[in-house]
């Protein structure tokens, strides 16, 4: 591939990704029979399923963390590696159809810092190996013997972090044993999480290094036809309660306002229970002006089956990911029947 054609290809890819992700992956409703499709009753195979699935169109390794320093100040941390495929096969060198991009962020009540990386697959610039586990893009990496013990680093012009993670519980499989429906018409993904990390390390900021520790949550998800064509974005909550229990819940917004929701309740000992459409509720209570957009930064969240009735509030309403594919992502504080803290991601707010 000559340089001119390569640059044109990258420009097209960035344009397409910006359209898709910035609008909640709207447009990924066109089923391409060349790509593999998630199916119910599939068996996960580890460590193989820690790694990449190049025959599916989209995939991510998504880490968020709620942290404190020795004085109790709160920090949020994000490390995310995304893969998207132009064609459903893999190959080496410039012939690889895999495109990689990554986001990293640090959030406090006073500021939100974010940065990004882009890479072409097949040339060693980015990728994921599963045994031992190593996910990388340029100098950023997440690696360890497996997902139970990891070291993570990333950075940009205004921050850098190096963190160590230890899992204190099992993997959690969402939906029907990891088959997670995303719409009434059958769009779905494979989706599991490790929500039981203890994390500690150092964040380097302009004022110097800060030692922090707390809890982290990783999501692993891959699909080829993620959403239906009338869905415009999503609101995704990962909630860690003071009791030790946890809750993952999401809702996918559509043009009619009806939406589609699902949730997973996770006990402190790792037992979990999935809840399908119409059982998880999230209603905005406060709208903030963020980079000329109207963003819900306080929510009323309910899961009646588990007597959850809580208020979720952004630690920093201005946690806008001002990257090539923009969205809102930041730490949240929880009050109500189940106090605690967590993370919120929102896409499709233009």
C-alpha atoms as a PDB file:
ATOM      1  CA  UNK A   1       0.000   0.000   0.000  1.00  0.00           C
ATOM      2  CA  UNK A   2       1.518   3.361  -0.968  1.00  0.00           C
ATOM      3  CA  UNK A   3       1.661   6.279   1.473  1.00  0.00           C
ATOM      4  CA  UNK A   4      -1.100   8.290  -0.207  1.00  0.00           C
ATOM      5  CA  UNK A   5      -3.492   5.345  -0.185  1.00  0.00           C
ATOM      6  CA  UNK A   6      -2.618   4.526   3.441  1.00  0.00           C
ATOM      7  CA  UNK A   7      -3.282   8.094   4.615  1.00  0.00           C
ATOM      8  CA  UNK A   8      -6.561   8.178   2.713  1.00  0.00           C
ATOM      9  CA  UNK A   9      -7.565   4.876   4.328  1.00  0.00           C
ATOM     10  CA  UNK A  10      -6.772   6.174   7.817  1.00  0.00           C
ATOM     11  CA  UNK A  11      -8.771   9.364   7.154  1.00  0.00           C
ATOM     12  CA  UNK A  12     -11.782   7.294   6.095  1.00  0.00           C
ATOM     13  CA  UNK A  13     -11.422   5.023   9.124  1.00  0.00           C
ATOM     14  CA  UNK A  14     -11.254   7.937  11.574  1.00  0.00           C
ATOM     15  CA  UNK A  15     -14.294   9.523   9.927  1.00  0.00           C
ATOM     16  CA  UNK A  16     -16.286   6.284  10.117  1.00  0.00           C
ATOM     17  CA  UNK A  17     -15.265   5.569  13.708  1.00  0.00           C
ATOM     18  CA  UNK A  18     -16.111   9.117  14.776  1.00  0.00           C
ATOM     19  CA  UNK A  19     -19.567   8.771  13.252  1.00  0.00           C
ATOM     20  CA  UNK A  20     -20.182   5.364  14.803  1.00  0.00           C
ATOM     21  CA  UNK A  21     -18.773   5.762  18.287  1.00  0.00           C
ATOM     22  CA  UNK A  22     -19.689   9.393  18.794  1.00  0.00           C
ATOM     23  CA  UNK A  23     -23.302   8.418  18.146  1.00  0.00           C
ATOM     24  CA  UNK A  24     -23.270   5.248  20.232  1.00  0.00           C
ATOM     25  CA  UNK A  25     -22.135   3.056  17.303  1.00  0.00           C
ATOM     26  CA  UNK A  26     -25.256   4.029  15.386  1.00  0.00           C
ATOM     27  CA  UNK A  27     -24.755   2.494  11.960  1.00  0.00           C
ATOM     28  CA  UNK A  28     -23.359  -0.823  13.160  1.00  0.00           C
ATOM     29  CA  UNK A  29     -26.742  -2.343  12.408  1.00  0.00           C
ATOM     30  CA  UNK A  30     -25.761  -3.521   8.927  1.00  0.00           C
ATOM     31  CA  UNK A  31     -25.187  -7.241   9.279  1.00  0.00           C
ATOM     32  CA  UNK A  32     -22.146  -8.240   7.227  1.00  0.00           C
ATOM     33  CA  UNK A  33     -22.270 -11.985   6.752  1.00  0.00           C
ATOM     34  CA  UNK A  34     -18.502 -12.089   6.349  1.00  0.00           C
ATOM     35  CA  UNK A  35     -18.044 -11.258  10.048  1.00  0.00           C
ATOM     36  CA  UNK A  36     -18.779 -13.756  12.796  1.00  0.00           C
ATOM     37  CA  UNK A  37     -21.901 -13.053  14.862  1.00  0.00           C
ATOM     38  CA  UNK A  38     -22.403 -13.650  18.598  1.00  0.00           C
ATOM     39  CA  UNK A  39     -24.690 -16.619  19.291  1.00  0.00           C
ATOM     40  CA  UNK A  40     -26.414 -17.877  22.439  1.00  0.00           C
ATOM     41  CA  UNK A  41     -25.021 -20.868  24.324  1.00  0.00           C
ATOM     42  CA  UNK A  42     -21.476 -20.348  23.122  1.00  0.00           C
ATOM     43  CA  UNK A  43     -18.609 -21.595  25.265  1.00  0.00           C
ATOM     44  CA  UNK A  44     -15.878 -19.251  26.425  1.00  0.00           C
ATOM     45  CA  UNK A  45     -12.356 -20.598  26.241  1.00  0.00           C
ATOM     46  CA  UNK A  46      -9.651 -19.167  28.487  1.00  0.00           C
ATOM     47  CA  UNK A  47      -7.008 -17.921  28.173  1.00  0.00           C
ATOM     48  CA  UNK A  48      -7.939 -17.660  24.471  1.00  0.00           C
ATOM     49  CA  UNK A  49     -10.872 -15.312  25.140  1.00  0.00           C
ATOM     50  CA  UNK A  50      -8.660 -12.858  26.998  1.00  0.00           C
ATOM     51  CA  UNK A  51      -7.256 -12.067  23.560  1.00  0.00           C
ATOM     52  CA  UNK A  52      -8.491 -10.577  20.299  1.00  0.00           C
ATOM     53  CA  UNK A  53     -11.221 -11.976  18.027  1.00  0.00           C
ATOM     54  CA  UNK A  54     -10.317 -10.643  14.555  1.00  0.00           C
ATOM     55  CA  UNK A  55     -13.252 -12.372  12.858  1.00  0.00           C
ATOM     56  CA  UNK A  56     -15.598  -9.993  14.752  1.00  0.00           C
ATOM     57  CA  UNK A  57     -15.892  -6.357  13.761  1.00  0.00           C
ATOM     58  CA  UNK A  58     -15.437  -4.520  17.075  1.00  0.00           C
ATOM     59  CA  UNK A  59     -13.878  -5.285  20.447  1.00  0.00           C
ATOM     60  CA  UNK A  60     -12.524  -3.586  23.579  1.00  0.00           C
ATOM     61  CA  UNK A  61     -10.552  -4.023  26.801  1.00  0.00           C
ATOM     62  CA  UNK A  62     -12.036  -1.366  29.081  1.00  0.00           C
ATOM     63  CA  UNK A  63     -10.591  -0.535  32.514  1.00  0.00           C
ATOM     64  CA  UNK A  64     -11.946   2.081  34.935  1.00  0.00           C
ATOM     65  CA  UNK A  65     -10.919   2.710  38.543  1.00  0.00           C
ATOM     66  CA  UNK A  66     -12.058   4.713  41.569  1.00  0.00           C
ATOM     67  CA  UNK A  67      -9.032   5.829  43.570  1.00  0.00           C
ATOM     68  CA  UNK A  68      -8.009   7.823  46.653  1.00  0.00           C
ATOM     69  CA  UNK A  69      -4.707   9.322  47.741  1.00  0.00           C
ATOM     70  CA  UNK A  70      -3.458   9.241  51.347  1.00  0.00           C
ATOM     71  CA  UNK A  71      -5.426  12.418  52.113  1.00  0.00           C
ATOM     72  CA  UNK A  72      -8.670  10.952  50.821  1.00  0.00           C
ATOM     73  CA  UNK A  73      -8.875  12.952  47.595  1.00  0.00           C
ATOM     74  CA  UNK A  74     -10.796  11.123  44.863  1.00  0.00           C
ATOM     75  CA  UNK A  75      -9.466  10.229  41.426  1.00  0.00           C
ATOM     76  CA  UNK A  76     -10.915   8.393  38.460  1.00  0.00           C
ATOM     77  CA  UNK A  77      -8.746   6.461  36.007  1.00  0.00           C
ATOM     78  CA  UNK A  78      -9.496   5.050  32.555  1.00  0.00           C
ATOM     79  CA  UNK A  79      -7.463   2.782  30.226  1.00  0.00           C
ATOM     80  CA  UNK A  80      -9.211   1.483  27.110  1.00  0.00           C
ATOM     81  CA  UNK A  81      -7.971  -0.357  24.029  1.00  0.00           C
ATOM     82  CA  UNK A  82     -10.336  -0.688  21.060  1.00  0.00           C
ATOM     83  CA  UNK A  83     -10.054  -2.868  17.962  1.00  0.00           C
ATOM     84  CA  UNK A  84     -12.120  -2.532  14.805  1.00  0.00           C
ATOM     85  CA  UNK A  85     -11.832  -4.613  11.634  1.00  0.00           C
ATOM     86  CA  UNK A  86     -12.232  -3.535   8.037  1.00  0.00           C
ATOM     87  CA  UNK A  87     -12.502  -7.161   6.931  1.00  0.00           C
ATOM     88  CA  UNK A  88     -13.113 -10.384   8.908  1.00  0.00           C
ATOM     89  CA  UNK A  89      -9.666 -11.907   8.790  1.00  0.00           C
ATOM     90  CA  UNK A  90      -6.229 -11.171  10.130  1.00  0.00           C
ATOM     91  CA  UNK A  91      -2.851 -11.048   8.447  1.00  0.00           C
ATOM     92  CA  UNK A  92       0.572  -9.639   9.071  1.00  0.00           C
ATOM     93  CA  UNK A  93       2.150  -6.402   7.945  1.00  0.00           C
ATOM     94  CA  UNK A  94       0.314  -3.602   6.193  1.00  0.00           C
ATOM     95  CA  UNK A  95      -2.203  -6.102   4.820  1.00  0.00           C
ATOM     96  CA  UNK A  96      -3.812  -6.417   8.267  1.00  0.00           C
ATOM     97  CA  UNK A  97      -7.399  -5.089   8.289  1.00  0.00           C
ATOM     98  CA  UNK A  98      -7.263  -4.367  12.045  1.00  0.00           C
ATOM     99  CA  UNK A  99      -7.338  -0.772  13.325  1.00  0.00           C
ATOM    100  CA  UNK A 100      -6.521  -0.067  16.969  1.00  0.00           C
ATOM    101  CA  UNK A 101      -7.136   3.016  19.089  1.00  0.00           C
ATOM    102  CA  UNK A 102      -6.893   3.705  22.812  1.00  0.00           C
ATOM    103  CA  UNK A 103      -7.980   6.263  25.376  1.00  0.00           C
ATOM    104  CA  UNK A 104      -6.582   7.141  28.800  1.00  0.00           C
ATOM    105  CA  UNK A 105      -7.860   9.635  31.352  1.00  0.00           C
ATOM    106  CA  UNK A 106      -7.491  10.941  34.889  1.00  0.00           C
ATOM    107  CA  UNK A 107     -10.423  12.716  36.554  1.00  0.00           C
ATOM    108  CA  UNK A 108     -10.767  14.629  39.827  1.00  0.00           C
ATOM    109  CA  UNK A 109     -13.464  17.002  41.070  1.00  0.00           C
ATOM    110  CA  UNK A 110     -11.412  19.881  39.641  1.00  0.00           C
ATOM    111  CA  UNK A 111     -10.115  18.638  36.290  1.00  0.00           C
ATOM    112  CA  UNK A 112     -10.377  15.968  33.609  1.00  0.00           C
ATOM    113  CA  UNK A 113      -7.300  14.977  31.568  1.00  0.00           C
ATOM    114  CA  UNK A 114      -7.537  12.694  28.546  1.00  0.00           C
ATOM    115  CA  UNK A 115      -5.390  11.523  25.658  1.00  0.00           C
ATOM    116  CA  UNK A 116      -5.496   8.965  22.840  1.00  0.00           C
ATOM    117  CA  UNK A 117      -3.489   6.727  20.509  1.00  0.00           C
ATOM    118  CA  UNK A 118      -4.200   5.277  17.044  1.00  0.00           C
ATOM    119  CA  UNK A 119      -2.419   2.345  15.391  1.00  0.00           C
ATOM    120  CA  UNK A 120      -2.566   0.049  12.406  1.00  0.00           C
ATOM    121  CA  UNK A 121      -2.605  -3.679  13.127  1.00  0.00           C
ATOM    122  CA  UNK A 122      -0.110  -6.159  11.753  1.00  0.00           C
ATOM    123  CA  UNK A 123       3.041  -4.072  12.172  1.00  0.00           C
ATOM    124  CA  UNK A 124       3.644  -4.527  15.909  1.00  0.00           C
ATOM    125  CA  UNK A 125       2.409  -1.083  16.913  1.00  0.00           C
ATOM    126  CA  UNK A 126      -0.627  -2.465  18.787  1.00  0.00           C
ATOM    127  CA  UNK A 127      -2.218  -5.789  19.611  1.00  0.00           C
ATOM    128  CA  UNK A 128      -3.222  -8.298  22.266  1.00  0.00           C
ATOM    129  CA  UNK A 129      -1.529 -11.576  23.228  1.00  0.00           C
ATOM    130  CA  UNK A 130      -3.391 -13.848  25.626  1.00  0.00           C
ATOM    131  CA  UNK A 131      -0.767 -16.182  27.187  1.00  0.00           C
ATOM    132  CA  UNK A 132       0.856 -14.410  28.906  1.00  0.00           C
ATOM    133  CA  UNK A 133      -1.590 -11.548  28.580  1.00  0.00           C
ATOM    134  CA  UNK A 134      -0.284  -8.386  26.940  1.00  0.00           C
ATOM    135  CA  UNK A 135      -2.422  -5.617  25.451  1.00  0.00           C
ATOM    136  CA  UNK A 136      -0.458  -2.677  24.045  1.00  0.00           C
ATOM    137  CA  UNK A 137      -0.480   0.329  21.768  1.00  0.00           C
ATOM    138  CA  UNK A 138       2.757   2.261  21.341  1.00  0.00           C
ATOM    139  CA  UNK A 139       4.249   2.671  24.854  1.00  0.00           C
ATOM    140  CA  UNK A 140       0.961   2.000  26.673  1.00  0.00           C
ATOM    141  CA  UNK A 141       0.384  -1.503  27.978  1.00  0.00           C
ATOM    142  CA  UNK A 142      -1.743  -3.755  30.159  1.00  0.00           C
ATOM    143  CA  UNK A 143       0.035  -7.014  30.903  1.00  0.00           C
ATOM    144  CA  UNK A 144       0.396  -9.929  33.295  1.00  0.00           C
ATOM    145  CA  UNK A 145       0.381 -13.708  33.456  1.00  0.00           C
ATOM    146  CA  UNK A 146      -3.422 -13.549  33.027  1.00  0.00           C
ATOM    147  CA  UNK A 147      -6.250 -11.179  33.988  1.00  0.00           C
ATOM    148  CA  UNK A 148      -5.840 -11.956  37.700  1.00  0.00           C
ATOM    149  CA  UNK A 149      -2.670  -9.876  38.060  1.00  0.00           C
ATOM    150  CA  UNK A 150      -1.913  -6.925  35.782  1.00  0.00           C
ATOM    151  CA  UNK A 151       0.330  -3.908  35.404  1.00  0.00           C
ATOM    152  CA  UNK A 152      -1.114  -0.959  33.491  1.00  0.00           C
ATOM    153  CA  UNK A 153       0.544   2.182  32.208  1.00  0.00           C
ATOM    154  CA  UNK A 154      -0.439   5.078  29.970  1.00  0.00           C
ATOM    155  CA  UNK A 155       0.166   8.771  29.664  1.00  0.00           C
ATOM    156  CA  UNK A 156       0.017  11.940  27.670  1.00  0.00           C
ATOM    157  CA  UNK A 157       1.266  15.525  27.735  1.00  0.00           C
ATOM    158  CA  UNK A 158      -0.204  16.305  31.179  1.00  0.00           C
ATOM    159  CA  UNK A 159      -0.227  13.002  33.082  1.00  0.00           C
ATOM    160  CA  UNK A 160       1.128   9.484  33.324  1.00  0.00           C
ATOM    161  CA  UNK A 161       0.212   6.519  35.503  1.00  0.00           C
ATOM    162  CA  UNK A 162       1.628   3.108  36.406  1.00  0.00           C
ATOM    163  CA  UNK A 163      -0.770   0.810  38.298  1.00  0.00           C
ATOM    164  CA  UNK A 164      -0.804  -2.728  39.682  1.00  0.00           C
ATOM    165  CA  UNK A 165      -4.045  -4.728  39.805  1.00  0.00           C
ATOM    166  CA  UNK A 166      -4.989  -7.903  41.687  1.00  0.00           C
ATOM    167  CA  UNK A 167      -8.336  -9.640  41.146  1.00  0.00           C
ATOM    168  CA  UNK A 168     -10.164 -10.542  44.356  1.00  0.00           C
ATOM    169  CA  UNK A 169     -13.089 -12.390  42.770  1.00  0.00           C
ATOM    170  CA  UNK A 170     -14.217 -14.318  39.674  1.00  0.00           C
ATOM    171  CA  UNK A 171     -15.048 -13.194  36.161  1.00  0.00           C
ATOM    172  CA  UNK A 172     -18.697 -12.181  35.706  1.00  0.00           C
ATOM    173  CA  UNK A 173     -20.641 -13.123  32.562  1.00  0.00           C
ATOM    174  CA  UNK A 174     -23.469 -10.797  31.551  1.00  0.00           C
ATOM    175  CA  UNK A 175     -26.775 -11.661  29.907  1.00  0.00           C
ATOM    176  CA  UNK A 176     -27.151 -15.376  29.206  1.00  0.00           C
ATOM    177  CA  UNK A 177     -23.743 -16.751  30.185  1.00  0.00           C
ATOM    178  CA  UNK A 178     -21.955 -13.921  28.398  1.00  0.00           C
ATOM    179  CA  UNK A 179     -24.376 -13.470  25.485  1.00  0.00           C
ATOM    180  CA  UNK A 180     -25.600  -9.893  26.015  1.00  0.00           C
ATOM    181  CA  UNK A 181     -28.604  -8.678  24.007  1.00  0.00           C
ATOM    182  CA  UNK A 182     -28.526  -5.036  22.964  1.00  0.00           C
ATOM    183  CA  UNK A 183     -31.877  -4.617  21.178  1.00  0.00           C
ATOM    184  CA  UNK A 184     -35.283  -6.286  20.706  1.00  0.00           C
ATOM    185  CA  UNK A 185     -34.265  -7.223  17.155  1.00  0.00           C
ATOM    186  CA  UNK A 186     -31.389  -9.406  18.305  1.00  0.00           C
ATOM    187  CA  UNK A 187     -28.212  -7.330  18.125  1.00  0.00           C
ATOM    188  CA  UNK A 188     -25.846  -8.715  20.754  1.00  0.00           C
ATOM    189  CA  UNK A 189     -22.300  -8.996  22.015  1.00  0.00           C
ATOM    190  CA  UNK A 190     -20.156 -11.358  24.033  1.00  0.00           C
ATOM    191  CA  UNK A 191     -19.613  -9.591  27.336  1.00  0.00           C
ATOM    192  CA  UNK A 192     -17.804 -10.461  30.545  1.00  0.00           C
ATOM    193  CA  UNK A 193     -16.188  -8.389  33.305  1.00  0.00           C
ATOM    194  CA  UNK A 194     -13.633  -8.536  36.064  1.00  0.00           C
ATOM    195  CA  UNK A 195     -15.161  -6.135  38.630  1.00  0.00           C
ATOM    196  CA  UNK A 196     -13.120  -7.252  41.649  1.00  0.00           C
ATOM    197  CA  UNK A 197      -9.747  -5.600  41.155  1.00  0.00           C
ATOM    198  CA  UNK A 198      -7.811  -3.971  43.941  1.00  0.00           C
ATOM    199  CA  UNK A 199      -5.549  -1.364  42.371  1.00  0.00           C
ATOM    200  CA  UNK A 200      -2.629   0.749  43.545  1.00  0.00           C
ATOM    201  CA  UNK A 201       0.115   2.779  41.963  1.00  0.00           C
ATOM    202  CA  UNK A 202       1.356   6.243  41.098  1.00  0.00           C
ATOM    203  CA  UNK A 203      -0.198   9.003  39.021  1.00  0.00           C
ATOM    204  CA  UNK A 204       2.290  11.593  37.756  1.00  0.00           C
ATOM    205  CA  UNK A 205       0.708  15.003  37.354  1.00  0.00           C
ATOM    206  CA  UNK A 206       2.165  18.440  36.709  1.00  0.00           C
ATOM    207  CA  UNK A 207       2.474  19.008  40.474  1.00  0.00           C
ATOM    208  CA  UNK A 208       4.347  15.733  40.959  1.00  0.00           C
ATOM    209  CA  UNK A 209       3.622  12.050  41.682  1.00  0.00           C
ATOM    210  CA  UNK A 210       0.629  10.949  43.774  1.00  0.00           C
ATOM    211  CA  UNK A 211       0.270   7.512  45.373  1.00  0.00           C
ATOM    212  CA  UNK A 212      -3.265   6.172  44.985  1.00  0.00           C
ATOM    213  CA  UNK A 213      -5.230   2.989  45.656  1.00  0.00           C
ATOM    214  CA  UNK A 214      -8.790   1.757  45.256  1.00  0.00           C
ATOM    215  CA  UNK A 215     -11.006  -0.515  43.180  1.00  0.00           C
ATOM    216  CA  UNK A 216     -11.050  -1.162  39.435  1.00  0.00           C
ATOM    217  CA  UNK A 217     -13.388  -2.803  36.936  1.00  0.00           C
ATOM    218  CA  UNK A 218     -12.551  -4.253  33.512  1.00  0.00           C
ATOM    219  CA  UNK A 219     -15.069  -4.946  30.748  1.00  0.00           C
ATOM    220  CA  UNK A 220     -14.362  -7.307  27.844  1.00  0.00           C
ATOM    221  CA  UNK A 221     -16.769  -7.127  24.931  1.00  0.00           C
ATOM    222  CA  UNK A 222     -16.806  -8.034  21.236  1.00  0.00           C
ATOM    223  CA  UNK A 223     -19.428  -8.096  18.493  1.00  0.00           C
ATOM    224  CA  UNK A 224     -20.049  -7.470  14.801  1.00  0.00           C
ATOM    225  CA  UNK A 225     -23.557  -5.972  14.765  1.00  0.00           C
ATOM    226  CA  UNK A 226     -23.784  -4.198  18.095  1.00  0.00           C
ATOM    227  CA  UNK A 227     -26.890  -1.998  17.859  1.00  0.00           C
ATOM    228  CA  UNK A 228     -30.043  -1.557  15.806  1.00  0.00           C
ATOM    229  CA  UNK A 229     -30.354   1.301  13.351  1.00  0.00           C
ATOM    230  CA  UNK A 230     -32.713   3.379  15.506  1.00  0.00           C
ATOM    231  CA  UNK A 231     -30.467   3.372  18.601  1.00  0.00           C
ATOM    232  CA  UNK A 232     -28.654   6.654  19.139  1.00  0.00           C
ATOM    233  CA  UNK A 233     -26.418   6.069  22.162  1.00  0.00           C
ATOM    234  CA  UNK A 234     -26.050   4.412  25.538  1.00  0.00           C
ATOM    235  CA  UNK A 235     -25.707   5.113  29.261  1.00  0.00           C
ATOM    236  CA  UNK A 236     -23.561   2.491  31.012  1.00  0.00           C
ATOM    237  CA  UNK A 237     -23.127   2.229  34.789  1.00  0.00           C
ATOM    238  CA  UNK A 238     -20.611   0.170  36.771  1.00  0.00           C
ATOM    239  CA  UNK A 239     -21.543   0.531  40.435  1.00  0.00           C
ATOM    240  CA  UNK A 240     -19.578  -0.713  43.458  1.00  0.00           C
ATOM    241  CA  UNK A 241     -21.498  -0.494  46.721  1.00  0.00           C
ATOM    242  CA  UNK A 242     -20.092  -0.132  50.223  1.00  0.00           C
ATOM    243  CA  UNK A 243     -21.670  -3.494  51.086  1.00  0.00           C
ATOM    244  CA  UNK A 244     -19.336  -5.238  48.619  1.00  0.00           C
ATOM    245  CA  UNK A 245     -22.118  -5.944  46.108  1.00  0.00           C
ATOM    246  CA  UNK A 246     -21.898  -4.530  42.580  1.00  0.00           C
ATOM    247  CA  UNK A 247     -24.217  -3.677  39.719  1.00  0.00           C
ATOM    248  CA  UNK A 248     -23.661  -3.320  35.993  1.00  0.00           C
ATOM    249  CA  UNK A 249     -26.530  -1.678  34.160  1.00  0.00           C
ATOM    250  CA  UNK A 250     -26.979  -0.110  30.753  1.00  0.00           C
ATOM    251  CA  UNK A 251     -29.687   1.459  28.676  1.00  0.00           C
ATOM    252  CA  UNK A 252     -29.621   2.037  24.939  1.00  0.00           C
ATOM    253  CA  UNK A 253     -31.546   5.067  23.764  1.00  0.00           C
ATOM    254  CA  UNK A 254     -33.514   5.138  20.523  1.00  0.00           C
ATOM    255  CA  UNK A 255     -35.428   7.657  18.467  1.00  0.00           C
ATOM    256  CA  UNK A 256     -38.810   6.710  19.938  1.00  0.00           C
ATOM    257  CA  UNK A 257     -37.658   7.178  23.534  1.00  0.00           C
ATOM    258  CA  UNK A 258     -38.485   3.608  24.561  1.00  0.00           C
ATOM    259  CA  UNK A 259     -34.931   2.339  24.897  1.00  0.00           C
ATOM    260  CA  UNK A 260     -33.539  -1.069  25.835  1.00  0.00           C
ATOM    261  CA  UNK A 261     -31.961  -1.959  29.178  1.00  0.00           C
ATOM    262  CA  UNK A 262     -30.247  -4.828  30.968  1.00  0.00           C
ATOM    263  CA  UNK A 263     -28.341  -5.339  34.201  1.00  0.00           C
ATOM    264  CA  UNK A 264     -26.263  -7.786  36.221  1.00  0.00           C
ATOM    265  CA  UNK A 265     -26.384  -7.927  40.008  1.00  0.00           C
ATOM    266  CA  UNK A 266     -23.121  -9.170  41.549  1.00  0.00           C
ATOM    267  CA  UNK A 267     -22.867 -10.356  45.152  1.00  0.00           C
ATOM    268  CA  UNK A 268     -19.716  -9.662  47.163  1.00  0.00           C
ATOM    269  CA  UNK A 269     -18.810 -13.371  46.945  1.00  0.00           C
ATOM    270  CA  UNK A 270     -19.054 -13.364  43.133  1.00  0.00           C
ATOM    271  CA  UNK A 271     -22.498 -14.887  42.636  1.00  0.00           C
ATOM    272  CA  UNK A 272     -24.374 -13.018  39.921  1.00  0.00           C
ATOM    273  CA  UNK A 273     -27.863 -12.668  38.478  1.00  0.00           C
ATOM    274  CA  UNK A 274     -28.837 -11.138  35.140  1.00  0.00           C
ATOM    275  CA  UNK A 275     -31.889  -8.954  34.536  1.00  0.00           C
ATOM    276  CA  UNK A 276     -33.367  -8.404  31.104  1.00  0.00           C
ATOM    277  CA  UNK A 277     -35.247  -5.538  29.459  1.00  0.00           C
ATOM    278  CA  UNK A 278     -37.592  -3.465  31.574  1.00  0.00           C
ATOM    279  CA  UNK A 279     -36.011  -4.285  34.963  1.00  0.00           C
ATOM    280  CA  UNK A 280     -33.210  -1.693  35.162  1.00  0.00           C
ATOM    281  CA  UNK A 281     -34.189   2.000  35.163  1.00  0.00           C
ATOM    282  CA  UNK A 282     -32.046   5.135  34.823  1.00  0.00           C
ATOM    283  CA  UNK A 283     -33.647   8.568  34.604  1.00  0.00           C
ATOM    284  CA  UNK A 284     -31.670  11.841  34.283  1.00  0.00           C
ATOM    285  CA  UNK A 285     -32.238  14.301  37.135  1.00  0.00           C
ATOM    286  CA  UNK A 286     -29.724  17.041  36.339  1.00  0.00           C
ATOM    287  CA  UNK A 287     -28.558  18.273  32.938  1.00  0.00           C
ATOM    288  CA  UNK A 288     -25.230  20.112  32.697  1.00  0.00           C
ATOM    289  CA  UNK A 289     -23.788  22.180  29.867  1.00  0.00           C
ATOM    290  CA  UNK A 290     -20.578  20.381  28.914  1.00  0.00           C
ATOM    291  CA  UNK A 291     -18.621  21.604  25.868  1.00  0.00           C
ATOM    292  CA  UNK A 292     -21.829  23.101  24.430  1.00  0.00           C
ATOM    293  CA  UNK A 293     -23.681  19.819  24.923  1.00  0.00           C
ATOM    294  CA  UNK A 294     -26.500  18.948  27.311  1.00  0.00           C
ATOM    295  CA  UNK A 295     -25.193  16.020  29.377  1.00  0.00           C
ATOM    296  CA  UNK A 296     -27.056  14.220  32.193  1.00  0.00           C
ATOM    297  CA  UNK A 297     -24.682  14.374  35.168  1.00  0.00           C
ATOM    298  CA  UNK A 298     -27.050  13.198  37.905  1.00  0.00           C
ATOM    299  CA  UNK A 299     -29.300  10.144  37.625  1.00  0.00           C
ATOM    300  CA  UNK A 300     -31.995   8.275  39.507  1.00  0.00           C
ATOM    301  CA  UNK A 301     -31.174   4.570  39.124  1.00  0.00           C
ATOM    302  CA  UNK A 302     -33.398   1.659  40.180  1.00  0.00           C
ATOM    303  CA  UNK A 303     -33.281  -2.113  40.097  1.00  0.00           C
ATOM    304  CA  UNK A 304     -36.507  -2.997  41.955  1.00  0.00           C
ATOM    305  CA  UNK A 305     -35.763  -6.741  42.031  1.00  0.00           C
ATOM    306  CA  UNK A 306     -32.834  -5.998  44.364  1.00  0.00           C
ATOM    307  CA  UNK A 307     -34.438  -3.007  46.132  1.00  0.00           C
ATOM    308  CA  UNK A 308     -31.898  -0.644  44.585  1.00  0.00           C
ATOM    309  CA  UNK A 309     -33.067   2.984  44.582  1.00  0.00           C
ATOM    310  CA  UNK A 310     -30.105   5.327  44.315  1.00  0.00           C
ATOM    311  CA  UNK A 311     -28.867   8.722  43.167  1.00  0.00           C
ATOM    312  CA  UNK A 312     -25.800   8.737  40.922  1.00  0.00           C
ATOM    313  CA  UNK A 313     -23.846  11.984  40.637  1.00  0.00           C
ATOM    314  CA  UNK A 314     -20.770  12.788  38.554  1.00  0.00           C
ATOM    315  CA  UNK A 315     -17.633  13.585  40.556  1.00  0.00           C
ATOM    316  CA  UNK A 316     -16.817  16.072  37.791  1.00  0.00           C
ATOM    317  CA  UNK A 317     -19.608  17.017  35.355  1.00  0.00           C
ATOM    318  CA  UNK A 318     -16.967  18.135  32.833  1.00  0.00           C
ATOM    319  CA  UNK A 319     -15.494  14.659  32.308  1.00  0.00           C
ATOM    320  CA  UNK A 320     -15.827  14.949  28.539  1.00  0.00           C
ATOM    321  CA  UNK A 321     -13.439  12.762  26.540  1.00  0.00           C
ATOM    322  CA  UNK A 322     -12.269  15.370  24.045  1.00  0.00           C
ATOM    323  CA  UNK A 323     -10.690  12.839  21.698  1.00  0.00           C
ATOM    324  CA  UNK A 324     -11.225  12.040  18.030  1.00  0.00           C
ATOM    325  CA  UNK A 325     -14.257   9.953  18.961  1.00  0.00           C
ATOM    326  CA  UNK A 326     -15.745  12.038  21.814  1.00  0.00           C
ATOM    327  CA  UNK A 327     -18.013  10.878  24.647  1.00  0.00           C
ATOM    328  CA  UNK A 328     -18.549  11.391  28.387  1.00  0.00           C
ATOM    329  CA  UNK A 329     -16.726   9.100  30.836  1.00  0.00           C
ATOM    330  CA  UNK A 330     -16.068   9.678  34.525  1.00  0.00           C
ATOM    331  CA  UNK A 331     -16.291   8.573  38.156  1.00  0.00           C
ATOM    332  CA  UNK A 332     -19.582   8.836  40.019  1.00  0.00           C
ATOM    333  CA  UNK A 333     -20.742   9.004  43.629  1.00  0.00           C
ATOM    334  CA  UNK A 334     -23.722   6.943  44.827  1.00  0.00           C
ATOM    335  CA  UNK A 335     -26.225   7.731  47.587  1.00  0.00           C
ATOM    336  CA  UNK A 336     -29.516   6.132  48.565  1.00  0.00           C
ATOM    337  CA  UNK A 337     -30.328   2.538  49.444  1.00  0.00           C
ATOM    338  CA  UNK A 338     -26.881   1.316  48.302  1.00  0.00           C
ATOM    339  CA  UNK A 339     -24.176   3.983  48.803  1.00  0.00           C
ATOM    340  CA  UNK A 340     -20.859   3.614  47.036  1.00  0.00           C
ATOM    341  CA  UNK A 341     -19.084   4.814  43.907  1.00  0.00           C
ATOM    342  CA  UNK A 342     -18.485   3.739  40.343  1.00  0.00           C
ATOM    343  CA  UNK A 343     -18.158   4.857  36.743  1.00  0.00           C
ATOM    344  CA  UNK A 344     -20.503   6.166  34.059  1.00  0.00           C
ATOM    345  CA  UNK A 345     -20.062   6.195  30.285  1.00  0.00           C
ATOM    346  CA  UNK A 346     -22.461   8.085  27.992  1.00  0.00           C
ATOM    347  CA  UNK A 347     -22.379   8.198  24.197  1.00  0.00           C
ATOM    348  CA  UNK A 348     -24.545   9.819  21.558  1.00  0.00           C
ATOM    349  CA  UNK A 349     -24.994  13.222  23.233  1.00  0.00           C
ATOM    350  CA  UNK A 350     -24.351  15.680  20.435  1.00  0.00           C
END
